[in-house]
């Protein structure tokens, strides 16, 4: 009789493990520490903290909608619907950026420590 509960427990554990992430996020896997997704009118994550010397990559995942990554005081990516843009942050500070096509509603920042 002890075997039945153990079998049920094993089945339950396997079923839960197969469920994966239940956040309901449908814009792909979570970005790695140095990546930001450019989606339809959003950056994900909108804020990123990195160490000095880190290169951050913005990856477009927005279909046919044009977006850009434009930092206050430069640099800026081209307007694009796919591809990537990279910036290496060599000094500490907080660096704000926006999509100039969509304005303040599509903005983010990188904090360098």
C-alpha atoms as a PDB file:
ATOM      1  CA  UNK A   1       0.000   0.000   0.000  1.00  0.00           C
ATOM      2  CA  UNK A   2       2.910   2.366   0.518  1.00  0.00           C
ATOM      3  CA  UNK A   3       3.843   2.087  -3.179  1.00  0.00           C
ATOM      4  CA  UNK A   4       0.656   3.701  -4.447  1.00  0.00           C
ATOM      5  CA  UNK A   5       1.230   7.080  -2.709  1.00  0.00           C
ATOM      6  CA  UNK A   6       4.871   7.117  -3.856  1.00  0.00           C
ATOM      7  CA  UNK A   7       3.836   6.459  -7.435  1.00  0.00           C
ATOM      8  CA  UNK A   8       1.226   9.203  -7.265  1.00  0.00           C
ATOM      9  CA  UNK A   9       3.783  11.585  -5.781  1.00  0.00           C
ATOM     10  CA  UNK A  10       6.254  10.784  -8.564  1.00  0.00           C
ATOM     11  CA  UNK A  11       3.594  11.377 -11.217  1.00  0.00           C
ATOM     12  CA  UNK A  12       2.628  14.687  -9.620  1.00  0.00           C
ATOM     13  CA  UNK A  13       6.254  15.867  -9.500  1.00  0.00           C
ATOM     14  CA  UNK A  14       6.801  14.958 -13.151  1.00  0.00           C
ATOM     15  CA  UNK A  15       3.577  16.698 -14.189  1.00  0.00           C
ATOM     16  CA  UNK A  16       4.561  19.907 -12.383  1.00  0.00           C
ATOM     17  CA  UNK A  17       8.048  19.851 -13.881  1.00  0.00           C
ATOM     18  CA  UNK A  18       6.556  19.610 -17.362  1.00  0.00           C
ATOM     19  CA  UNK A  19       4.412  22.715 -16.817  1.00  0.00           C
ATOM     20  CA  UNK A  20       7.317  25.184 -17.072  1.00  0.00           C
ATOM     21  CA  UNK A  21       6.871  28.923 -16.561  1.00  0.00           C
ATOM     22  CA  UNK A  22       3.303  29.964 -15.805  1.00  0.00           C
ATOM     23  CA  UNK A  23       3.763  33.721 -16.161  1.00  0.00           C
ATOM     24  CA  UNK A  24       1.634  33.958 -19.294  1.00  0.00           C
ATOM     25  CA  UNK A  25       4.414  35.859 -21.058  1.00  0.00           C
ATOM     26  CA  UNK A  26       4.092  35.131 -24.784  1.00  0.00           C
ATOM     27  CA  UNK A  27       6.980  37.206 -26.126  1.00  0.00           C
ATOM     28  CA  UNK A  28       9.587  34.457 -26.021  1.00  0.00           C
ATOM     29  CA  UNK A  29      12.035  33.241 -23.438  1.00  0.00           C
ATOM     30  CA  UNK A  30      13.345  35.544 -20.757  1.00  0.00           C
ATOM     31  CA  UNK A  31      16.214  37.690 -22.017  1.00  0.00           C
ATOM     32  CA  UNK A  32      19.691  37.015 -20.688  1.00  0.00           C
ATOM     33  CA  UNK A  33      21.440  39.562 -18.466  1.00  0.00           C
ATOM     34  CA  UNK A  34      22.781  41.629 -21.352  1.00  0.00           C
ATOM     35  CA  UNK A  35      19.795  41.489 -23.722  1.00  0.00           C
ATOM     36  CA  UNK A  36      16.697  43.651 -24.213  1.00  0.00           C
ATOM     37  CA  UNK A  37      13.836  42.637 -26.506  1.00  0.00           C
ATOM     38  CA  UNK A  38      12.288  45.280 -28.745  1.00  0.00           C
ATOM     39  CA  UNK A  39       8.624  44.321 -29.092  1.00  0.00           C
ATOM     40  CA  UNK A  40       5.497  45.981 -30.371  1.00  0.00           C
ATOM     41  CA  UNK A  41       5.728  49.273 -28.459  1.00  0.00           C
ATOM     42  CA  UNK A  42       7.755  47.957 -25.512  1.00  0.00           C
ATOM     43  CA  UNK A  43      11.255  47.126 -24.357  1.00  0.00           C
ATOM     44  CA  UNK A  44      11.606  43.992 -22.244  1.00  0.00           C
ATOM     45  CA  UNK A  45      12.942  44.506 -19.699  1.00  0.00           C
ATOM     46  CA  UNK A  46      12.534  48.270 -19.678  1.00  0.00           C
ATOM     47  CA  UNK A  47      15.324  48.631 -17.105  1.00  0.00           C
ATOM     48  CA  UNK A  48      18.545  46.661 -17.042  1.00  0.00           C
ATOM     49  CA  UNK A  49      21.469  46.819 -14.590  1.00  0.00           C
ATOM     50  CA  UNK A  50      24.880  45.696 -15.828  1.00  0.00           C
ATOM     51  CA  UNK A  51      28.524  45.876 -14.830  1.00  0.00           C
ATOM     52  CA  UNK A  52      30.877  48.375 -16.472  1.00  0.00           C
ATOM     53  CA  UNK A  53      32.332  46.945 -19.669  1.00  0.00           C
ATOM     54  CA  UNK A  54      29.155  45.027 -20.571  1.00  0.00           C
ATOM     55  CA  UNK A  55      27.773  45.052 -24.103  1.00  0.00           C
ATOM     56  CA  UNK A  56      23.976  45.148 -24.158  1.00  0.00           C
ATOM     57  CA  UNK A  57      22.144  43.808 -27.213  1.00  0.00           C
ATOM     58  CA  UNK A  58      18.673  44.963 -28.263  1.00  0.00           C
ATOM     59  CA  UNK A  59      16.925  42.329 -30.392  1.00  0.00           C
ATOM     60  CA  UNK A  60      13.882  43.219 -32.493  1.00  0.00           C
ATOM     61  CA  UNK A  61      10.876  40.932 -32.131  1.00  0.00           C
ATOM     62  CA  UNK A  62       8.178  43.354 -33.314  1.00  0.00           C
ATOM     63  CA  UNK A  63       6.901  41.994 -36.617  1.00  0.00           C
ATOM     64  CA  UNK A  64       6.555  44.714 -39.235  1.00  0.00           C
ATOM     65  CA  UNK A  65       6.454  47.718 -36.877  1.00  0.00           C
ATOM     66  CA  UNK A  66       9.471  50.059 -37.057  1.00  0.00           C
ATOM     67  CA  UNK A  67      11.323  50.884 -33.829  1.00  0.00           C
ATOM     68  CA  UNK A  68      14.667  52.332 -32.813  1.00  0.00           C
ATOM     69  CA  UNK A  69      16.835  52.624 -29.722  1.00  0.00           C
ATOM     70  CA  UNK A  70      17.935  56.232 -29.225  1.00  0.00           C
ATOM     71  CA  UNK A  71      19.996  57.309 -26.222  1.00  0.00           C
ATOM     72  CA  UNK A  72      19.836  60.832 -24.837  1.00  0.00           C
ATOM     73  CA  UNK A  73      22.925  62.413 -26.383  1.00  0.00           C
ATOM     74  CA  UNK A  74      23.452  59.408 -28.722  1.00  0.00           C
ATOM     75  CA  UNK A  75      24.099  56.861 -30.053  1.00  0.00           C
ATOM     76  CA  UNK A  76      21.027  55.579 -31.892  1.00  0.00           C
ATOM     77  CA  UNK A  77      20.073  52.526 -33.865  1.00  0.00           C
ATOM     78  CA  UNK A  78      18.489  52.846 -37.288  1.00  0.00           C
ATOM     79  CA  UNK A  79      14.714  52.509 -37.606  1.00  0.00           C
ATOM     80  CA  UNK A  80      14.217  48.790 -38.161  1.00  0.00           C
ATOM     81  CA  UNK A  81      11.743  45.907 -37.847  1.00  0.00           C
ATOM     82  CA  UNK A  82      14.277  43.148 -37.228  1.00  0.00           C
ATOM     83  CA  UNK A  83      17.897  42.651 -36.324  1.00  0.00           C
ATOM     84  CA  UNK A  84      19.980  43.837 -33.393  1.00  0.00           C
ATOM     85  CA  UNK A  85      21.697  46.899 -31.974  1.00  0.00           C
ATOM     86  CA  UNK A  86      24.576  46.812 -29.472  1.00  0.00           C
ATOM     87  CA  UNK A  87      26.161  49.297 -27.118  1.00  0.00           C
ATOM     88  CA  UNK A  88      29.075  48.721 -24.763  1.00  0.00           C
ATOM     89  CA  UNK A  89      28.855  50.622 -21.471  1.00  0.00           C
ATOM     90  CA  UNK A  90      32.307  51.447 -20.133  1.00  0.00           C
ATOM     91  CA  UNK A  91      31.458  53.882 -17.325  1.00  0.00           C
ATOM     92  CA  UNK A  92      29.031  53.908 -14.413  1.00  0.00           C
ATOM     93  CA  UNK A  93      25.772  55.815 -14.623  1.00  0.00           C
ATOM     94  CA  UNK A  94      22.191  55.530 -15.804  1.00  0.00           C
ATOM     95  CA  UNK A  95      21.637  55.776 -19.542  1.00  0.00           C
ATOM     96  CA  UNK A  96      18.088  56.543 -20.726  1.00  0.00           C
ATOM     97  CA  UNK A  97      16.844  55.553 -24.158  1.00  0.00           C
ATOM     98  CA  UNK A  98      13.607  55.717 -26.105  1.00  0.00           C
ATOM     99  CA  UNK A  99      12.087  54.743 -29.405  1.00  0.00           C
ATOM    100  CA  UNK A 100      11.772  58.145 -31.078  1.00  0.00           C
ATOM    101  CA  UNK A 101       8.974  56.803 -33.283  1.00  0.00           C
ATOM    102  CA  UNK A 102       6.760  56.006 -30.284  1.00  0.00           C
ATOM    103  CA  UNK A 103       8.057  58.486 -27.691  1.00  0.00           C
ATOM    104  CA  UNK A 104       8.081  58.278 -23.916  1.00  0.00           C
ATOM    105  CA  UNK A 105       5.595  55.400 -23.790  1.00  0.00           C
ATOM    106  CA  UNK A 106       8.360  53.221 -25.263  1.00  0.00           C
ATOM    107  CA  UNK A 107      11.432  53.989 -23.186  1.00  0.00           C
ATOM    108  CA  UNK A 108      13.944  52.303 -20.955  1.00  0.00           C
ATOM    109  CA  UNK A 109      17.260  52.659 -19.181  1.00  0.00           C
ATOM    110  CA  UNK A 110      20.509  50.864 -18.550  1.00  0.00           C
ATOM    111  CA  UNK A 111      22.158  51.354 -15.169  1.00  0.00           C
ATOM    112  CA  UNK A 112      25.875  50.630 -15.166  1.00  0.00           C
ATOM    113  CA  UNK A 113      27.567  49.856 -11.852  1.00  0.00           C
END
